[in-house]
């Protein structure tokens, strides 16, 4: 971060209060950019019904920002603060599974309404595979980020004990 700040010509200060304000201003600027990208996505993608080449970059910005924020939270150990040991990790994964199962079912039902009811066995299998893939993806990302956060939290707890 310091190298980036030097490259941009931003001074580095030693005062923690000033650093916190600086960090908050960068955070607010990032949120502002993502809100603009989401507005662009909504207006050009949904309201004006433009082709993907018009709003595709905004979608990429939003996806990258969300992934970066989730990864940063996991690496800092604050992704899921209720998980602090393996037992709570397993319990939380069971909760997430049922939440993702419900979300996947909702997604499958919405897709059935949008695409129409399947007529052949192959179409029904496609719906089933989509349902399973959505649940697996949601569970996998939740497992990875929660596990990274748990390891970071355990590492910090071990350092504070010694």
Protein backbone atom coordinates (compact mmCIF):
# COMPACT_ATOMS: atom_id res chain seq x y z
CA UNK A 1 0.00 0.00 0.00
CA UNK A 2 2.83 2.38 0.84
CA UNK A 3 4.47 1.80 -2.56
CA UNK A 4 1.17 2.55 -4.29
CA UNK A 5 0.75 5.71 -2.22
CA UNK A 6 4.30 6.81 -3.09
CA UNK A 7 3.70 6.10 -6.76
CA UNK A 8 0.55 8.24 -6.64
CA UNK A 9 2.41 10.97 -4.76
CA UNK A 10 0.43 10.61 -1.53
CA UNK A 11 2.31 11.35 1.67
CA UNK A 12 2.61 8.71 4.38
CA UNK A 13 2.05 10.00 7.91
CA UNK A 14 2.86 8.37 11.24
CA UNK A 15 -0.22 9.60 13.13
CA UNK A 16 -2.71 6.71 13.56
CA UNK A 17 -5.72 9.01 13.62
CA UNK A 18 -4.70 10.55 10.30
CA UNK A 19 -4.00 7.10 8.83
CA UNK A 20 -7.47 5.95 9.91
CA UNK A 21 -9.09 8.98 8.27
CA UNK A 22 -7.02 8.37 5.14
CA UNK A 23 -8.07 4.72 5.05
CA UNK A 24 -11.71 5.71 5.56
CA UNK A 25 -11.52 8.17 2.66
CA UNK A 26 -10.07 5.49 0.35
CA UNK A 27 -12.83 3.14 1.50
CA UNK A 28 -15.50 5.74 0.76
CA UNK A 29 -13.99 6.43 -2.66
CA UNK A 30 -14.09 2.70 -3.46
CA UNK A 31 -17.71 2.44 -2.35
CA UNK A 32 -18.58 5.48 -4.48
CA UNK A 33 -17.02 3.85 -7.56
CA UNK A 34 -18.92 0.59 -6.93
CA UNK A 35 -22.21 2.44 -6.45
CA UNK A 36 -21.63 4.25 -9.76
CA UNK A 37 -20.85 0.93 -11.45
CA UNK A 38 -24.04 -0.60 -10.02
CA UNK A 39 -26.09 2.39 -11.18
CA UNK A 40 -24.56 2.04 -14.65
CA UNK A 41 -25.38 -1.66 -14.60
CA UNK A 42 -28.99 -1.03 -13.58
CA UNK A 43 -29.65 1.88 -15.93
CA UNK A 44 -27.88 0.65 -19.07
CA UNK A 45 -28.39 -3.07 -18.49
CA UNK A 46 -31.92 -3.32 -17.17
CA UNK A 47 -33.74 -0.05 -17.83
CA UNK A 48 -32.33 0.88 -21.25
CA UNK A 49 -31.74 -2.78 -22.22
CA UNK A 50 -28.39 -2.07 -23.90
CA UNK A 51 -26.13 -4.89 -25.11
CA UNK A 52 -23.59 -6.39 -22.71
CA UNK A 53 -20.73 -4.48 -24.34
CA UNK A 54 -22.18 -1.26 -22.87
CA UNK A 55 -22.46 -2.39 -19.24
CA UNK A 56 -20.12 -5.40 -19.07
CA UNK A 57 -17.20 -3.46 -17.59
CA UNK A 58 -19.43 -2.21 -14.77
CA UNK A 59 -20.41 -5.79 -13.96
CA UNK A 60 -16.72 -6.75 -13.86
CA UNK A 61 -15.98 -3.82 -11.50
CA UNK A 62 -18.74 -4.88 -9.12
CA UNK A 63 -17.67 -8.55 -9.14
CA UNK A 64 -14.00 -7.69 -8.58
CA UNK A 65 -14.88 -5.30 -5.75
CA UNK A 66 -17.10 -7.85 -3.99
CA UNK A 67 -14.51 -10.62 -4.36
CA UNK A 68 -11.73 -8.32 -3.13
CA UNK A 69 -13.79 -7.23 -0.12
CA UNK A 70 -14.66 -10.83 0.82
CA UNK A 71 -11.06 -12.00 0.41
CA UNK A 72 -9.75 -9.05 2.44
CA UNK A 73 -12.24 -9.75 5.23
CA UNK A 74 -11.24 -13.43 5.28
CA UNK A 75 -7.53 -12.61 5.35
CA UNK A 76 -8.08 -10.16 8.20
CA UNK A 77 -10.02 -12.78 10.18
CA UNK A 78 -13.27 -10.82 10.28
CA UNK A 79 -15.29 -12.66 7.61
CA UNK A 80 -17.30 -14.68 10.11
CA UNK A 81 -16.60 -13.53 13.65
CA UNK A 82 -18.83 -16.18 15.25
CA UNK A 83 -16.46 -18.95 14.11
CA UNK A 84 -13.52 -19.33 16.48
CA UNK A 85 -12.98 -23.12 16.65
CA UNK A 86 -13.61 -26.26 14.58
CA UNK A 87 -16.88 -27.08 16.35
CA UNK A 88 -18.38 -23.67 15.62
CA UNK A 89 -17.00 -23.93 12.06
CA UNK A 90 -18.88 -27.19 11.44
CA UNK A 91 -22.04 -25.79 13.00
CA UNK A 92 -21.82 -22.67 10.84
CA UNK A 93 -21.24 -24.75 7.69
CA UNK A 94 -24.43 -26.72 8.43
CA UNK A 95 -26.33 -23.44 8.79
CA UNK A 96 -24.87 -22.17 5.54
CA UNK A 97 -25.76 -25.42 3.78
CA UNK A 98 -29.44 -25.05 4.64
CA UNK A 99 -29.37 -21.38 3.68
CA UNK A 100 -27.70 -22.23 0.37
CA UNK A 101 -30.12 -25.09 -0.24
CA UNK A 102 -33.00 -22.65 0.16
CA UNK A 103 -31.26 -20.09 -2.06
CA UNK A 104 -30.50 -22.71 -4.70
CA UNK A 105 -34.10 -23.90 -4.67
CA UNK A 106 -35.29 -20.31 -5.08
CA UNK A 107 -32.82 -19.84 -7.97
CA UNK A 108 -34.04 -23.03 -9.66
CA UNK A 109 -37.70 -21.98 -9.31
CA UNK A 110 -36.96 -18.53 -10.74
CA UNK A 111 -35.12 -20.14 -13.66
CA UNK A 112 -38.10 -22.45 -14.25
CA UNK A 113 -40.41 -19.45 -14.46
CA UNK A 114 -38.05 -17.52 -16.74
CA UNK A 115 -37.24 -20.41 -19.09
CA UNK A 116 -40.50 -22.31 -18.85
CA UNK A 117 -41.15 -25.80 -17.55
CA UNK A 118 -38.77 -28.45 -18.89
CA UNK A 119 -40.33 -30.91 -21.30
CA UNK A 120 -37.71 -33.63 -21.63
CA UNK A 121 -35.65 -35.64 -19.20
CA UNK A 122 -32.54 -33.85 -20.44
CA UNK A 123 -34.07 -30.45 -19.60
CA UNK A 124 -35.00 -31.66 -16.11
CA UNK A 125 -31.45 -32.94 -15.61
CA UNK A 126 -30.12 -29.55 -16.69
CA UNK A 127 -32.29 -27.89 -14.01
CA UNK A 128 -31.05 -30.39 -11.42
CA UNK A 129 -27.40 -29.87 -12.40
CA UNK A 130 -27.83 -26.08 -12.26
CA UNK A 131 -29.38 -26.43 -8.81
CA UNK A 132 -26.51 -28.60 -7.56
CA UNK A 133 -23.84 -26.36 -9.11
CA UNK A 134 -25.30 -23.23 -7.51
CA UNK A 135 -25.41 -24.90 -4.08
CA UNK A 136 -21.90 -26.32 -4.49
CA UNK A 137 -20.49 -22.94 -5.56
CA UNK A 138 -22.13 -21.09 -2.67
CA UNK A 139 -21.00 -23.71 -0.16
CA UNK A 140 -17.46 -23.78 -1.56
CA UNK A 141 -16.94 -20.02 -1.41
CA UNK A 142 -18.42 -19.93 2.10
CA UNK A 143 -16.19 -22.80 3.24
CA UNK A 144 -13.02 -21.26 1.77
CA UNK A 145 -13.54 -17.77 3.16
CA UNK A 146 -14.71 -19.00 6.58
CA UNK A 147 -11.77 -21.43 6.82
CA UNK A 148 -9.27 -18.68 5.95
CA UNK A 149 -10.87 -16.38 8.50
CA UNK A 150 -10.86 -19.14 11.14
CA UNK A 151 -7.16 -19.84 10.61
CA UNK A 152 -6.36 -16.14 10.90
CA UNK A 153 -8.40 -15.85 14.10
CA UNK A 154 -6.77 -18.94 15.61
CA UNK A 155 -3.33 -17.60 14.68
CA UNK A 156 -4.08 -14.29 16.42
CA UNK A 157 -5.45 -16.09 19.49
CA UNK A 158 -2.33 -18.29 19.67
CA UNK A 159 -0.09 -15.22 19.44
CA UNK A 160 -2.02 -13.42 22.19
CA UNK A 161 -1.78 -16.47 24.51
CA UNK A 162 2.00 -16.65 24.28
